[in-house]
């Protein structure tokens, strides 16, 4: 990292600064919980025109992530691989690769049903996470030309 390049944490904070304070506060309460859940993992940060995504996995390849938290102007969602079994029908979305659940509070990550999905996602991923260790944050992309955000939907 050269002297002019901000740290990954500083870059993530800058990306998040364009979102409403209550959304940023929610994300800042969720990220430490996810870091503890996925010790020793890669924390891949993607800055898009209308969202910021932080993916956790044991690869530097984003689509191989086990879970991802996506930050939008009006909500935060936790994403899982579409093929993850969802016996309680919590996951929403009809995307080709992922489905998600809304997070309204950091404590949602501790709820039995969401915690069970996270645990199942770890098992479903087929990778082994260490019992301890810090996540390694990597800024994977940054929107160079930012389109104006739509206000009616994210």
Protein backbone atom coordinates (compact mmCIF):
# COMPACT_ATOMS: atom_id res chain seq x y z
CA UNK A 1 0.00 0.00 0.00
CA UNK A 2 1.53 3.33 -0.99
CA UNK A 3 1.48 6.35 1.28
CA UNK A 4 -1.40 7.97 -0.60
CA UNK A 5 -3.66 4.89 -0.61
CA UNK A 6 -6.06 4.86 2.37
CA UNK A 7 -6.27 1.67 4.42
CA UNK A 8 -9.01 -0.81 3.49
CA UNK A 9 -10.91 0.16 6.68
CA UNK A 10 -10.68 3.84 5.75
CA UNK A 11 -11.90 3.06 2.24
CA UNK A 12 -14.85 1.07 3.60
CA UNK A 13 -15.73 3.96 5.93
CA UNK A 14 -15.60 6.35 2.98
CA UNK A 15 -17.87 4.08 0.92
CA UNK A 16 -20.36 3.88 3.79
CA UNK A 17 -20.32 7.63 4.41
CA UNK A 18 -22.76 8.23 1.57
CA UNK A 19 -25.51 6.26 3.34
CA UNK A 20 -27.88 7.53 6.04
CA UNK A 21 -26.44 7.47 9.59
CA UNK A 22 -28.92 4.84 10.84
CA UNK A 23 -27.90 2.47 8.01
CA UNK A 24 -24.20 3.05 8.70
CA UNK A 25 -24.76 2.42 12.42
CA UNK A 26 -26.53 -0.86 11.66
CA UNK A 27 -23.71 -2.01 9.38
CA UNK A 28 -21.07 -1.05 11.95
CA UNK A 29 -22.88 -3.23 14.51
CA UNK A 30 -23.28 -6.16 12.08
CA UNK A 31 -19.75 -6.34 10.67
CA UNK A 32 -18.00 -7.28 13.95
CA UNK A 33 -20.50 -10.10 14.46
CA UNK A 34 -19.84 -11.42 10.95
CA UNK A 35 -16.08 -11.12 11.47
CA UNK A 36 -16.37 -13.26 14.61
CA UNK A 37 -18.58 -15.76 12.75
CA UNK A 38 -16.07 -16.13 9.89
CA UNK A 39 -12.64 -15.96 11.59
CA UNK A 40 -9.63 -16.04 9.30
CA UNK A 41 -11.75 -15.33 6.24
CA UNK A 42 -11.40 -12.82 3.45
CA UNK A 43 -13.66 -9.81 3.79
CA UNK A 44 -14.18 -8.64 0.22
CA UNK A 45 -15.54 -5.12 -0.23
CA UNK A 46 -17.33 -4.05 -3.39
CA UNK A 47 -18.42 -0.45 -3.93
CA UNK A 48 -21.27 -0.20 -6.42
CA UNK A 49 -23.27 2.78 -7.62
CA UNK A 50 -26.20 2.17 -5.26
CA UNK A 51 -24.76 -0.23 -2.68
CA UNK A 52 -21.73 -1.50 -0.82
CA UNK A 53 -21.30 -5.24 -0.44
CA UNK A 54 -19.01 -6.97 2.06
CA UNK A 55 -18.60 -10.69 1.33
CA UNK A 56 -17.07 -13.25 3.70
CA UNK A 57 -15.39 -16.42 2.49
CA UNK A 58 -12.16 -18.38 2.31
CA UNK A 59 -11.35 -17.23 -1.23
CA UNK A 60 -10.47 -13.88 -2.75
CA UNK A 61 -13.14 -14.62 -5.38
CA UNK A 62 -16.39 -12.86 -4.53
CA UNK A 63 -18.83 -15.37 -6.00
CA UNK A 64 -17.31 -18.06 -3.78
CA UNK A 65 -18.23 -16.12 -0.62
CA UNK A 66 -20.26 -17.90 2.03
CA UNK A 67 -22.38 -14.87 2.95
CA UNK A 68 -22.45 -11.20 2.00
CA UNK A 69 -23.96 -8.17 3.65
CA UNK A 70 -25.29 -5.57 1.22
CA UNK A 71 -25.83 -1.97 2.23
CA UNK A 72 -28.46 0.08 0.41
CA UNK A 73 -29.73 3.60 1.15
CA UNK A 74 -32.83 2.34 2.98
CA UNK A 75 -31.99 -1.21 4.12
CA UNK A 76 -29.35 -3.84 4.79
CA UNK A 77 -29.63 -7.44 3.57
CA UNK A 78 -27.70 -10.64 4.26
CA UNK A 79 -27.16 -12.72 1.12
CA UNK A 80 -26.72 -16.47 0.76
CA UNK A 81 -26.11 -18.80 -2.16
CA UNK A 82 -29.42 -19.55 -3.87
CA UNK A 83 -28.84 -23.31 -3.51
CA UNK A 84 -28.75 -23.10 0.31
CA UNK A 85 -31.64 -25.11 1.78
CA UNK A 86 -34.16 -22.79 3.44
CA UNK A 87 -36.58 -25.01 5.37
CA UNK A 88 -38.32 -22.07 7.08
CA UNK A 89 -38.70 -20.07 3.87
CA UNK A 90 -36.88 -16.99 5.20
CA UNK A 91 -34.87 -16.17 2.10
CA UNK A 92 -36.33 -13.72 -0.39
CA UNK A 93 -35.53 -13.03 -4.00
CA UNK A 94 -35.60 -14.84 -7.29
CA UNK A 95 -32.08 -14.03 -8.49
CA UNK A 96 -30.08 -16.62 -10.34
CA UNK A 97 -27.27 -16.81 -7.77
CA UNK A 98 -28.36 -15.44 -4.39
CA UNK A 99 -31.29 -14.93 -2.05
CA UNK A 100 -31.39 -12.75 1.04
CA UNK A 101 -32.94 -11.82 4.33
CA UNK A 102 -33.42 -8.26 5.62
CA UNK A 103 -31.47 -7.14 8.68
CA UNK A 104 -33.22 -4.55 10.81
CA UNK A 105 -30.90 -4.86 13.82
CA UNK A 106 -27.53 -6.45 14.50
CA UNK A 107 -29.30 -8.78 16.90
CA UNK A 108 -31.05 -10.33 13.88
CA UNK A 109 -27.76 -12.16 13.23
CA UNK A 110 -28.22 -13.90 16.60
CA UNK A 111 -31.83 -14.92 15.96
CA UNK A 112 -32.14 -18.69 15.90
CA UNK A 113 -33.51 -18.89 12.36
CA UNK A 114 -30.94 -16.54 10.80
CA UNK A 115 -28.11 -18.04 12.88
CA UNK A 116 -29.17 -21.47 11.57
CA UNK A 117 -28.98 -20.17 7.98
CA UNK A 118 -25.47 -18.81 8.59
CA UNK A 119 -24.37 -22.10 10.15
CA UNK A 120 -25.90 -24.03 7.23
CA UNK A 121 -24.19 -21.69 4.75
CA UNK A 122 -20.80 -22.42 6.34
CA UNK A 123 -21.43 -26.15 6.03
CA UNK A 124 -22.92 -25.81 2.52
CA UNK A 125 -19.84 -23.86 1.33
CA UNK A 126 -17.65 -26.93 1.75
CA UNK A 127 -14.77 -24.85 3.11
CA UNK A 128 -13.27 -24.97 6.58
CA UNK A 129 -13.05 -21.75 8.54
CA UNK A 130 -10.37 -21.50 11.23
CA UNK A 131 -11.55 -21.29 14.81
CA UNK A 132 -9.68 -18.02 15.31
CA UNK A 133 -8.01 -15.32 13.29
CA UNK A 134 -8.69 -11.90 11.92
CA UNK A 135 -10.53 -11.35 8.68
CA UNK A 136 -8.44 -9.91 5.87
CA UNK A 137 -10.24 -7.00 4.24
CA UNK A 138 -9.63 -6.54 0.54
CA UNK A 139 -11.13 -3.75 -1.52
CA UNK A 140 -12.14 -5.58 -4.69
CA UNK A 141 -13.82 -2.84 -6.67
CA UNK A 142 -14.64 0.80 -6.50
CA UNK A 143 -17.19 2.58 -8.64
CA UNK A 144 -15.08 5.07 -10.58
CA UNK A 145 -18.06 6.74 -12.23
CA UNK A 146 -20.93 6.88 -9.81
CA UNK A 147 -24.39 7.07 -11.31
CA UNK A 148 -26.91 9.16 -9.42
CA UNK A 149 -28.75 7.02 -6.87
CA UNK A 150 -32.39 6.30 -7.54
CA UNK A 151 -34.49 7.42 -4.63
CA UNK A 152 -37.54 5.22 -5.15
CA UNK A 153 -35.67 1.86 -5.02
CA UNK A 154 -32.18 0.62 -4.27
